Amino acid sequence: MFYYLGLAAVLFSIGLFGVITRRNVIGILMSLELMFNAANINFVTFNKFILNDGLTGQLFAIFIVVVAAAEATVGLAIVLLLYRNWRGINTDNVSIMKW
């Protein structure tokens, strides 16, 4: 059990480090996906080792996959908008986008 939780902690830490340090929007989205996958590993691990009856962890993991797909869709739309307007995808240009 502790190996799975350690793997999830390492994945989440790498994802958090990537979100904090990246200036590229694609890199930030990839780091968010790593964090979502770490949460999925935690849900499935706790379901397997603590609640042996049911599919609660797997259902939460499927829900997170659906949310991650929606996040990727919206994120890629924002990336396309940034690239179309400023010919780059750095996060410095995001503060320029106003209503």
PDB file of N, CA and C in Angstrom:
ATOM      1  N   MET A   1       0.823  -1.199   0.000  1.00  0.00           N
ATOM      2  CA  MET A   1       0.000   0.000   0.000  1.00  0.00           C
ATOM      3  C   MET A   1       0.859   1.252   0.000  1.00  0.00           C
ATOM      4  N   PHE A   2       1.935   1.212   0.776  1.00  0.00           N
ATOM      5  CA  PHE A   2       2.771   2.405   0.899  1.00  0.00           C
ATOM      6  C   PHE A   2       3.550   2.705  -0.375  1.00  0.00           C
ATOM      7  N   TYR A   3       3.783   1.677  -1.194  1.00  0.00           N
ATOM      8  CA  TYR A   3       4.451   1.924  -2.471  1.00  0.00           C
ATOM      9  C   TYR A   3       3.559   2.737  -3.405  1.00  0.00           C
ATOM     10  N   TYR A   4       2.272   2.406  -3.416  1.00  0.00           N
ATOM     11  CA  TYR A   4       1.334   3.149  -4.258  1.00  0.00           C
ATOM     12  C   TYR A   4       1.183   4.588  -3.779  1.00  0.00           C
ATOM     13  N   LEU A   5       1.100   4.748  -2.471  1.00  0.00           N
ATOM     14  CA  LEU A   5       0.972   6.107  -1.932  1.00  0.00           C
ATOM     15  C   LEU A   5       2.243   6.915  -2.158  1.00  0.00           C
ATOM     16  N   GLY A   6       3.385   6.257  -2.090  1.00  0.00           N
ATOM     17  CA  GLY A   6       4.649   6.932  -2.387  1.00  0.00           C
ATOM     18  C   GLY A   6       4.735   7.352  -3.839  1.00  0.00           C
ATOM     19  N   LEU A   7       4.291   6.452  -4.728  1.00  0.00           N
ATOM     20  CA  LEU A   7       4.262   6.790  -6.154  1.00  0.00           C
ATOM     21  C   LEU A   7       3.337   7.974  -6.406  1.00  0.00           C
ATOM     22  N   ALA A   8       2.169   7.966  -5.775  1.00  0.00           N
ATOM     23  CA  ALA A   8       1.226   9.071  -5.955  1.00  0.00           C
ATOM     24  C   ALA A   8       1.803  10.372  -5.407  1.00  0.00           C
ATOM     25  N   ALA A   9       2.507  10.302  -4.275  1.00  0.00           N
ATOM     26  CA  ALA A   9       3.113  11.508  -3.694  1.00  0.00           C
ATOM     27  C   ALA A   9       4.205  12.063  -4.609  1.00  0.00           C
ATOM     28  N   VAL A  10       5.004  11.182  -5.180  1.00  0.00           N
ATOM     29  CA  VAL A  10       6.063  11.629  -6.097  1.00  0.00           C
ATOM     30  C   VAL A  10       5.446  12.259  -7.349  1.00  0.00           C
ATOM     31  N   LEU A  11       4.429  11.609  -7.925  1.00  0.00           N
ATOM     32  CA  LEU A  11       3.766  12.163  -9.110  1.00  0.00           C
ATOM     33  C   LEU A  11       3.135  13.523  -8.810  1.00  0.00           C
ATOM     34  N   PHE A  12       2.468  13.616  -7.664  1.00  0.00           N
ATOM     35  CA  PHE A  12       1.835  14.886  -7.303  1.00  0.00           C
ATOM     36  C   PHE A  12       2.885  15.969  -7.088  1.00  0.00           C
ATOM     37  N   SER A  13       4.009  15.615  -6.472  1.00  0.00           N
ATOM     38  CA  SER A  13       5.069  16.604  -6.242  1.00  0.00           C
ATOM     39  C   SER A  13       5.684  17.085  -7.552  1.00  0.00           C
ATOM     40  N   ILE A  14       5.898  16.169  -8.481  1.00  0.00           N
ATOM     41  CA  ILE A  14       6.426  16.559  -9.791  1.00  0.00           C
ATOM     42  C   ILE A  14       5.435  17.463 -10.514  1.00  0.00           C
ATOM     43  N   GLY A  15       4.152  17.118 -10.437  1.00  0.00           N
ATOM     44  CA  GLY A  15       3.132  17.949 -11.063  1.00  0.00           C
ATOM     45  C   GLY A  15       3.043  19.330 -10.441  1.00  0.00           C
ATOM     46  N   LEU A  16       3.106  19.394  -9.112  1.00  0.00           N
ATOM     47  CA  LEU A  16       3.049  20.686  -8.427  1.00  0.00           C
ATOM     48  C   LEU A  16       4.264  21.540  -8.769  1.00  0.00           C
ATOM     49  N   PHE A  17       5.427  20.911  -8.817  1.00  0.00           N
ATOM     50  CA  PHE A  17       6.641  21.633  -9.202  1.00  0.00           C
ATOM     51  C   PHE A  17       6.522  22.169 -10.626  1.00  0.00           C
ATOM     52  N   GLY A  18       5.944  21.360 -11.508  1.00  0.00           N
ATOM     53  CA  GLY A  18       5.763  21.796 -12.897  1.00  0.00           C
ATOM     54  C   GLY A  18       4.783  22.939 -13.023  1.00  0.00           C
ATOM     55  N   VAL A  19       3.701  22.916 -12.245  1.00  0.00           N
ATOM     56  CA  VAL A  19       2.723  24.007 -12.304  1.00  0.00           C
ATOM     57  C   VAL A  19       3.336  25.300 -11.793  1.00  0.00           C
ATOM     58  N   ILE A  20       4.135  25.204 -10.749  1.00  0.00           N
ATOM     59  CA  ILE A  20       4.708  26.408 -10.151  1.00  0.00           C
ATOM     60  C   ILE A  20       5.815  27.001 -11.016  1.00  0.00           C
ATOM     61  N   THR A  21       6.634  26.158 -11.636  1.00  0.00           N
ATOM     62  CA  THR A  21       7.825  26.679 -12.310  1.00  0.00           C
ATOM     63  C   THR A  21       7.681  26.886 -13.810  1.00  0.00           C
ATOM     64  N   ARG A  22       6.717  26.278 -14.463  1.00  0.00           N
ATOM     65  CA  ARG A  22       6.606  26.387 -15.921  1.00  0.00           C
ATOM     66  C   ARG A  22       6.033  27.737 -16.330  1.00  0.00           C
ATOM     67  N   ARG A  23       6.508  28.219 -17.467  1.00  0.00           N
ATOM     68  CA  ARG A  23       5.948  29.439 -18.052  1.00  0.00           C
ATOM     69  C   ARG A  23       5.184  29.122 -19.318  1.00  0.00           C
ATOM     70  N   ASN A  24       5.294  27.898 -19.786  1.00  0.00           N
ATOM     71  CA  ASN A  24       4.610  27.459 -20.990  1.00  0.00           C
ATOM     72  C   ASN A  24       3.265  26.850 -20.600  1.00  0.00           C
ATOM     73  N   VAL A  25       2.217  27.221 -21.282  1.00  0.00           N
ATOM     74  CA  VAL A  25       0.877  26.759 -20.926  1.00  0.00           C
ATOM     75  C   VAL A  25       0.736  25.254 -21.145  1.00  0.00           C
ATOM     76  N   ILE A  26       1.348  24.721 -22.177  1.00  0.00           N
ATOM     77  CA  ILE A  26       1.278  23.280 -22.436  1.00  0.00           C
ATOM     78  C   ILE A  26       1.941  22.510 -21.295  1.00  0.00           C
ATOM     79  N   GLY A  27       3.059  22.983 -20.816  1.00  0.00           N
ATOM     80  CA  GLY A  27       3.734  22.341 -19.688  1.00  0.00           C
ATOM     81  C   GLY A  27       2.896  22.374 -18.417  1.00  0.00           C
ATOM     82  N   ILE A  28       2.196  23.477 -18.212  1.00  0.00           N
ATOM     83  CA  ILE A  28       1.325  23.589 -17.037  1.00  0.00           C
ATOM     84  C   ILE A  28       0.173  22.601 -17.144  1.00  0.00           C
ATOM     85  N   LEU A  29      -0.409  22.468 -18.318  1.00  0.00           N
ATOM     86  CA  LEU A  29      -1.497  21.503 -18.511  1.00  0.00           C
ATOM     87  C   LEU A  29      -1.016  20.069 -18.306  1.00  0.00           C
ATOM     88  N   MET A  30       0.183  19.760 -18.772  1.00  0.00           N
ATOM     89  CA  MET A  30       0.726  18.415 -18.560  1.00  0.00           C
ATOM     90  C   MET A  30       0.986  18.151 -17.089  1.00  0.00           C
ATOM     91  N   SER A  31       1.439  19.163 -16.364  1.00  0.00           N
ATOM     92  CA  SER A  31       1.669  19.004 -14.926  1.00  0.00           C
ATOM     93  C   SER A  31       0.359  18.812 -14.174  1.00  0.00           C
ATOM     94  N   LEU A  32      -0.684  19.495 -14.602  1.00  0.00           N
ATOM     95  CA  LEU A  32      -1.998  19.279 -13.995  1.00  0.00           C
ATOM     96  C   LEU A  32      -2.488  17.860 -14.228  1.00  0.00           C
ATOM     97  N   GLU A  33      -2.223  17.315 -15.411  1.00  0.00           N
ATOM     98  CA  GLU A  33      -2.607  15.931 -15.683  1.00  0.00           C
ATOM     99  C   GLU A  33      -1.861  14.968 -14.761  1.00  0.00           C
ATOM    100  N   LEU A  34      -0.599  15.237 -14.485  1.00  0.00           N
ATOM    101  CA  LEU A  34       0.145  14.409 -13.527  1.00  0.00           C
ATOM    102  C   LEU A  34      -0.491  14.459 -12.142  1.00  0.00           C
ATOM    103  N   MET A  35      -0.928  15.637 -11.730  1.00  0.00           N
ATOM    104  CA  MET A  35      -1.566  15.759 -10.427  1.00  0.00           C
ATOM    105  C   MET A  35      -2.896  15.011 -10.391  1.00  0.00           C
ATOM    106  N   PHE A  36      -3.655  15.067 -11.481  1.00  0.00           N
ATOM    107  CA  PHE A  36      -4.912  14.304 -11.545  1.00  0.00           C
ATOM    108  C   PHE A  36      -4.646  12.807 -11.470  1.00  0.00           C
ATOM    109  N   ASN A  37      -3.606  12.337 -12.154  1.00  0.00           N
ATOM    110  CA  ASN A  37      -3.288  10.916 -12.120  1.00  0.00           C
ATOM    111  C   ASN A  37      -2.834  10.469 -10.733  1.00  0.00           C
ATOM    112  N   ALA A  38      -2.135  11.334 -10.025  1.00  0.00           N
ATOM    113  CA  ALA A  38      -1.755  11.013  -8.652  1.00  0.00           C
ATOM    114  C   ALA A  38      -2.984  10.880  -7.759  1.00  0.00           C
ATOM    115  N   ALA A  39      -3.961  11.742  -7.959  1.00  0.00           N
ATOM    116  CA  ALA A  39      -5.202  11.630  -7.194  1.00  0.00           C
ATOM    117  C   ALA A  39      -5.938  10.342  -7.544  1.00  0.00           C
ATOM    118  N   ASN A  40      -5.924   9.953  -8.817  1.00  0.00           N
ATOM    119  CA  ASN A  40      -6.551   8.691  -9.221  1.00  0.00           C
ATOM    120  C   ASN A  40      -5.889   7.497  -8.541  1.00  0.00           C
ATOM    121  N   ILE A  41      -4.578   7.488  -8.490  1.00  0.00           N
ATOM    122  CA  ILE A  41      -3.866   6.395  -7.826  1.00  0.00           C
ATOM    123  C   ILE A  41      -4.242   6.336  -6.351  1.00  0.00           C
ATOM    124  N   ASN A  42      -4.357   7.485  -5.708  1.00  0.00           N
ATOM    125  CA  ASN A  42      -4.755   7.502  -4.302  1.00  0.00           C
ATOM    126  C   ASN A  42      -6.161   6.956  -4.102  1.00  0.00           C
ATOM    127  N   PHE A  43      -7.106   7.368  -4.932  1.00  0.00           N
ATOM    128  CA  PHE A  43      -8.477   6.877  -4.796  1.00  0.00           C
ATOM    129  C   PHE A  43      -8.552   5.365  -4.961  1.00  0.00           C
ATOM    130  N   VAL A  44      -7.899   4.840  -5.984  1.00  0.00           N
ATOM    131  CA  VAL A  44      -7.951   3.402  -6.227  1.00  0.00           C
ATOM    132  C   VAL A  44      -7.224   2.638  -5.121  1.00  0.00           C
ATOM    133  N   THR A  45      -6.112   3.168  -4.628  1.00  0.00           N
ATOM    134  CA  THR A  45      -5.368   2.508  -3.550  1.00  0.00           C
ATOM    135  C   THR A  45      -6.179   2.455  -2.269  1.00  0.00           C
ATOM    136  N   PHE A  46      -6.771   3.565  -1.890  1.00  0.00           N
ATOM    137  CA  PHE A  46      -7.564   3.562  -0.660  1.00  0.00           C
ATOM    138  C   PHE A  46      -8.796   2.675  -0.802  1.00  0.00           C
ATOM    139  N   ASN A  47      -9.359   2.603  -1.980  1.00  0.00           N
ATOM    140  CA  ASN A  47     -10.502   1.715  -2.177  1.00  0.00           C
ATOM    141  C   ASN A  47     -10.079   0.252  -2.048  1.00  0.00           C
ATOM    142  N   LYS A  48      -8.926  -0.086  -2.590  1.00  0.00           N
ATOM    143  CA  LYS A  48      -8.470  -1.481  -2.558  1.00  0.00           C
ATOM    144  C   LYS A  48      -8.076  -1.928  -1.164  1.00  0.00           C
ATOM    145  N   PHE A  49      -7.345  -1.085  -0.431  1.00  0.00           N
ATOM    146  CA  PHE A  49      -6.785  -1.526   0.839  1.00  0.00           C
ATOM    147  C   PHE A  49      -7.631  -1.167   2.052  1.00  0.00           C
ATOM    148  N   ILE A  50      -8.535  -0.231   1.952  1.00  0.00           N
ATOM    149  CA  ILE A  50      -9.342   0.156   3.108  1.00  0.00           C
ATOM    150  C   ILE A  50     -10.783  -0.289   2.946  1.00  0.00           C
ATOM    151  N   LEU A  51     -11.399  -0.011   1.796  1.00  0.00           N
ATOM    152  CA  LEU A  51     -12.784  -0.417   1.540  1.00  0.00           C
ATOM    153  C   LEU A  51     -12.786  -1.524   0.502  1.00  0.00           C
ATOM    154  N   ASN A  52     -12.711  -2.761   0.924  1.00  0.00           N
ATOM    155  CA  ASN A  52     -12.655  -3.863  -0.043  1.00  0.00           C
ATOM    156  C   ASN A  52     -13.979  -4.156  -0.711  1.00  0.00           C
ATOM    157  N   ASP A  53     -15.038  -3.530  -0.278  1.00  0.00           N
ATOM    158  CA  ASP A  53     -16.348  -3.822  -0.854  1.00  0.00           C
ATOM    159  C   ASP A  53     -16.844  -2.643  -1.678  1.00  0.00           C
ATOM    160  N   GLY A  54     -16.840  -2.773  -2.967  1.00  0.00           N
ATOM    161  CA  GLY A  54     -17.401  -1.707  -3.799  1.00  0.00           C
ATOM    162  C   GLY A  54     -16.390  -1.109  -4.752  1.00  0.00           C
ATOM    163  N   LEU A  55     -16.904  -0.222  -5.558  1.00  0.00           N
ATOM    164  CA  LEU A  55     -16.104   0.417  -6.596  1.00  0.00           C
ATOM    165  C   LEU A  55     -16.044   1.922  -6.409  1.00  0.00           C
ATOM    166  N   THR A  56     -16.079   2.376  -5.177  1.00  0.00           N
ATOM    167  CA  THR A  56     -16.121   3.806  -4.917  1.00  0.00           C
ATOM    168  C   THR A  56     -14.879   4.523  -5.454  1.00  0.00           C
ATOM    169  N   GLY A  57     -13.716   3.987  -5.202  1.00  0.00           N
ATOM    170  CA  GLY A  57     -12.478   4.610  -5.678  1.00  0.00           C
ATOM    171  C   GLY A  57     -12.392   4.659  -7.188  1.00  0.00           C
ATOM    172  N   GLN A  58     -12.825   3.568  -7.831  1.00  0.00           N
ATOM    173  CA  GLN A  58     -12.801   3.546  -9.289  1.00  0.00           C
ATOM    174  C   GLN A  58     -13.786   4.548  -9.878  1.00  0.00           C
ATOM    175  N   LEU A  59     -14.935   4.712  -9.245  1.00  0.00           N
ATOM    176  CA  LEU A  59     -15.903   5.696  -9.740  1.00  0.00           C
ATOM    177  C   LEU A  59     -15.371   7.112  -9.606  1.00  0.00           C
ATOM    178  N   PHE A  60     -14.706   7.406  -8.484  1.00  0.00           N
ATOM    179  CA  PHE A  60     -14.090   8.722  -8.341  1.00  0.00           C
ATOM    180  C   PHE A  60     -12.992   8.921  -9.371  1.00  0.00           C
ATOM    181  N   ALA A  61     -12.220   7.872  -9.662  1.00  0.00           N
ATOM    182  CA  ALA A  61     -11.162   7.977 -10.665  1.00  0.00           C
ATOM    183  C   ALA A  61     -11.747   8.252 -12.052  1.00  0.00           C
ATOM    184  N   ILE A  62     -12.848   7.594 -12.381  1.00  0.00           N
ATOM    185  CA  ILE A  62     -13.494   7.851 -13.670  1.00  0.00           C
ATOM    186  C   ILE A  62     -14.015   9.282 -13.727  1.00  0.00           C
ATOM    187  N   PHE A  63     -14.567   9.759 -12.619  1.00  0.00           N
ATOM    188  CA  PHE A  63     -15.027  11.147 -12.568  1.00  0.00           C
ATOM    189  C   PHE A  63     -13.873  12.121 -12.789  1.00  0.00           C
ATOM    190  N   ILE A  64     -12.723  11.839 -12.204  1.00  0.00           N
ATOM    191  CA  ILE A  64     -11.559  12.716 -12.379  1.00  0.00           C
ATOM    192  C   ILE A  64     -11.069  12.670 -13.821  1.00  0.00           C
ATOM    193  N   VAL A  65     -11.130  11.512 -14.464  1.00  0.00           N
ATOM    194  CA  VAL A  65     -10.733  11.415 -15.871  1.00  0.00           C
ATOM    195  C   VAL A  65     -11.644  12.282 -16.735  1.00  0.00           C
ATOM    196  N   VAL A  66     -12.949  12.287 -16.435  1.00  0.00           N
ATOM    197  CA  VAL A  66     -13.894  13.120 -17.188  1.00  0.00           C
ATOM    198  C   VAL A  66     -13.588  14.601 -16.961  1.00  0.00           C
ATOM    199  N   VAL A  67     -13.315  14.977 -15.719  1.00  0.00           N
ATOM    200  CA  VAL A  67     -12.974  16.370 -15.422  1.00  0.00           C
ATOM    201  C   VAL A  67     -11.662  16.756 -16.101  1.00  0.00           C
ATOM    202  N   ALA A  68     -10.700  15.843 -16.145  1.00  0.00           N
ATOM    203  CA  ALA A  68      -9.422  16.126 -16.801  1.00  0.00           C
ATOM    204  C   ALA A  68      -9.610  16.303 -18.304  1.00  0.00           C
ATOM    205  N   ALA A  69     -10.514  15.548 -18.899  1.00  0.00           N
ATOM    206  CA  ALA A  69     -10.780  15.714 -20.330  1.00  0.00           C
ATOM    207  C   ALA A  69     -11.403  17.080 -20.606  1.00  0.00           C
ATOM    208  N   ALA A  70     -12.323  17.498 -19.752  1.00  0.00           N
ATOM    209  CA  ALA A  70     -12.919  18.827 -19.921  1.00  0.00           C
ATOM    210  C   ALA A  70     -11.875  19.920 -19.712  1.00  0.00           C
ATOM    211  N   GLU A  71     -11.006  19.726 -18.734  1.00  0.00           N
ATOM    212  CA  GLU A  71      -9.943  20.706 -18.476  1.00  0.00           C
ATOM    213  C   GLU A  71      -8.989  20.792 -19.659  1.00  0.00           C
ATOM    214  N   ALA A  72      -8.669  19.667 -20.259  1.00  0.00           N
ATOM    215  CA  ALA A  72      -7.780  19.668 -21.417  1.00  0.00           C
ATOM    216  C   ALA A  72      -8.424  20.373 -22.605  1.00  0.00           C
ATOM    217  N   THR A  73      -9.719  20.180 -22.781  1.00  0.00           N
ATOM    218  CA  THR A  73     -10.421  20.847 -23.882  1.00  0.00           C
ATOM    219  C   THR A  73     -10.409  22.356 -23.715  1.00  0.00           C
ATOM    220  N   VAL A  74     -10.759  22.824 -22.534  1.00  0.00           N
ATOM    221  CA  VAL A  74     -10.773  24.269 -22.278  1.00  0.00           C
ATOM    222  C   VAL A  74      -9.350  24.832 -22.324  1.00  0.00           C
ATOM    223  N   GLY A  75      -8.406  24.091 -21.763  1.00  0.00           N
ATOM    224  CA  GLY A  75      -7.017  24.550 -21.770  1.00  0.00           C
ATOM    225  C   GLY A  75      -6.448  24.657 -23.170  1.00  0.00           C
ATOM    226  N   LEU A  76      -6.733  23.686 -24.010  1.00  0.00           N
ATOM    227  CA  LEU A  76      -6.235  23.757 -25.390  1.00  0.00           C
ATOM    228  C   LEU A  76      -6.916  24.864 -26.178  1.00  0.00           C
ATOM    229  N   ALA A  77      -8.174  25.166 -25.872  1.00  0.00           N
ATOM    230  CA  ALA A  77      -8.835  26.306 -26.515  1.00  0.00           C
ATOM    231  C   ALA A  77      -8.146  27.608 -26.118  1.00  0.00           C
ATOM    232  N   ILE A  78      -7.772  27.726 -24.860  1.00  0.00           N
ATOM    233  CA  ILE A  78      -7.049  28.924 -24.416  1.00  0.00           C
ATOM    234  C   ILE A  78      -5.674  28.996 -25.058  1.00  0.00           C
ATOM    235  N   VAL A  79      -5.005  27.858 -25.197  1.00  0.00           N
ATOM    236  CA  VAL A  79      -3.688  27.832 -25.849  1.00  0.00           C
ATOM    237  C   VAL A  79      -3.811  28.279 -27.300  1.00  0.00           C
ATOM    238  N   LEU A  80      -4.822  27.799 -28.001  1.00  0.00           N
ATOM    239  CA  LEU A  80      -5.014  28.225 -29.392  1.00  0.00           C
ATOM    240  C   LEU A  80      -5.296  29.717 -29.483  1.00  0.00           C
ATOM    241  N   LEU A  81      -6.066  30.255 -28.548  1.00  0.00           N
ATOM    242  CA  LEU A  81      -6.340  31.688 -28.530  1.00  0.00           C
ATOM    243  C   LEU A  81      -5.069  32.483 -28.269  1.00  0.00           C
ATOM    244  N   LEU A  82      -4.255  32.035 -27.312  1.00  0.00           N
ATOM    245  CA  LEU A  82      -2.984  32.720 -27.040  1.00  0.00           C
ATOM    246  C   LEU A  82      -2.077  32.694 -28.260  1.00  0.00           C
ATOM    247  N   TYR A  83      -1.967  31.534 -28.890  1.00  0.00           N
ATOM    248  CA  TYR A  83      -1.067  31.434 -30.036  1.00  0.00           C
ATOM    249  C   TYR A  83      -1.565  32.266 -31.215  1.00  0.00           C
ATOM    250  N   ARG A  84      -2.867  32.297 -31.414  1.00  0.00           N
ATOM    251  CA  ARG A  84      -3.417  33.060 -32.537  1.00  0.00           C
ATOM    252  C   ARG A  84      -3.207  34.559 -32.342  1.00  0.00           C
ATOM    253  N   ASN A  85      -3.319  35.039 -31.105  1.00  0.00           N
ATOM    254  CA  ASN A  85      -3.198  36.479 -30.865  1.00  0.00           C
ATOM    255  C   ASN A  85      -1.757  36.952 -30.700  1.00  0.00           C
ATOM    256  N   TRP A  86      -0.888  36.149 -30.056  1.00  0.00           N
ATOM    257  CA  TRP A  86       0.457  36.623 -29.738  1.00  0.00           C
ATOM    258  C   TRP A  86       1.571  35.771 -30.302  1.00  0.00           C
ATOM    259  N   ARG A  87       1.270  34.750 -31.096  1.00  0.00           N
ATOM    260  CA  ARG A  87       2.278  33.880 -31.710  1.00  0.00           C
ATOM    261  C   ARG A  87       3.206  33.244 -30.687  1.00  0.00           C
ATOM    262  N   GLY A  88       2.683  32.969 -29.509  1.00  0.00           N
ATOM    263  CA  GLY A  88       3.440  32.296 -28.464  1.00  0.00           C
ATOM    264  C   GLY A  88       2.489  31.788 -27.395  1.00  0.00           C
ATOM    265  N   ILE A  89       2.970  30.880 -26.561  1.00  0.00           N
ATOM    266  CA  ILE A  89       2.091  30.320 -25.549  1.00  0.00           C
ATOM    267  C   ILE A  89       2.672  30.476 -24.146  1.00  0.00           C
ATOM    268  N   ASN A  90       3.385  31.566 -23.913  1.00  0.00           N
ATOM    269  CA  ASN A  90       3.893  31.834 -22.574  1.00  0.00           C
ATOM    270  C   ASN A  90       2.791  32.411 -21.701  1.00  0.00           C
ATOM    271  N   THR A  91       2.906  32.177 -20.407  1.00  0.00           N
ATOM    272  CA  THR A  91       1.878  32.656 -19.488  1.00  0.00           C
ATOM    273  C   THR A  91       1.996  34.153 -19.215  1.00  0.00           C
ATOM    274  N   ASP A  92       3.064  34.776 -19.678  1.00  0.00           N
ATOM    275  CA  ASP A  92       3.184  36.233 -19.505  1.00  0.00           C
ATOM    276  C   ASP A  92       2.114  36.970 -20.285  1.00  0.00           C
ATOM    277  N   ASN A  93       1.661  36.404 -21.381  1.00  0.00           N
ATOM    278  CA  ASN A  93       0.655  37.051 -22.220  1.00  0.00           C
ATOM    279  C   ASN A  93      -0.757  36.895 -21.673  1.00  0.00           C
ATOM    280  N   VAL A  94      -0.957  36.009 -20.714  1.00  0.00           N
ATOM    281  CA  VAL A  94      -2.305  35.767 -20.202  1.00  0.00           C
ATOM    282  C   VAL A  94      -2.823  36.989 -19.465  1.00  0.00           C
ATOM    283  N   SER A  95      -1.960  37.724 -18.786  1.00  0.00           N
ATOM    284  CA  SER A  95      -2.419  38.903 -18.052  1.00  0.00           C
ATOM    285  C   SER A  95      -2.845  40.026 -19.005  1.00  0.00           C
ATOM    286  N   ILE A  96      -2.432  39.957 -20.253  1.00  0.00           N
ATOM    287  CA  ILE A  96      -2.801  40.983 -21.224  1.00  0.00           C
ATOM    288  C   ILE A  96      -4.243  40.758 -21.715  1.00  0.00           C
ATOM    289  N   MET A  97      -4.701  39.504 -21.676  1.00  0.00           N
ATOM    290  CA  MET A  97      -6.042  39.190 -22.174  1.00  0.00           C
ATOM    291  C   MET A  97      -7.085  39.767 -21.235  1.00  0.00           C
ATOM    292  N   LYS A  98      -7.758  40.780 -21.670  1.00  0.00           N
ATOM    293  CA  LYS A  98      -8.814  41.432 -20.878  1.00  0.00           C
ATOM    294  C   LYS A  98     -10.129  41.280 -21.596  1.00  0.00           C
ATOM    295  N   TRP A  99     -11.214  41.595 -20.923  1.00  0.00           N
ATOM    296  CA  TRP A  99     -12.532  41.532 -21.556  1.00  0.00           C
ATOM    297  C   TRP A  99     -12.571  42.623 -22.567  1.00  0.00           C
TER     298      TRP A  99
END
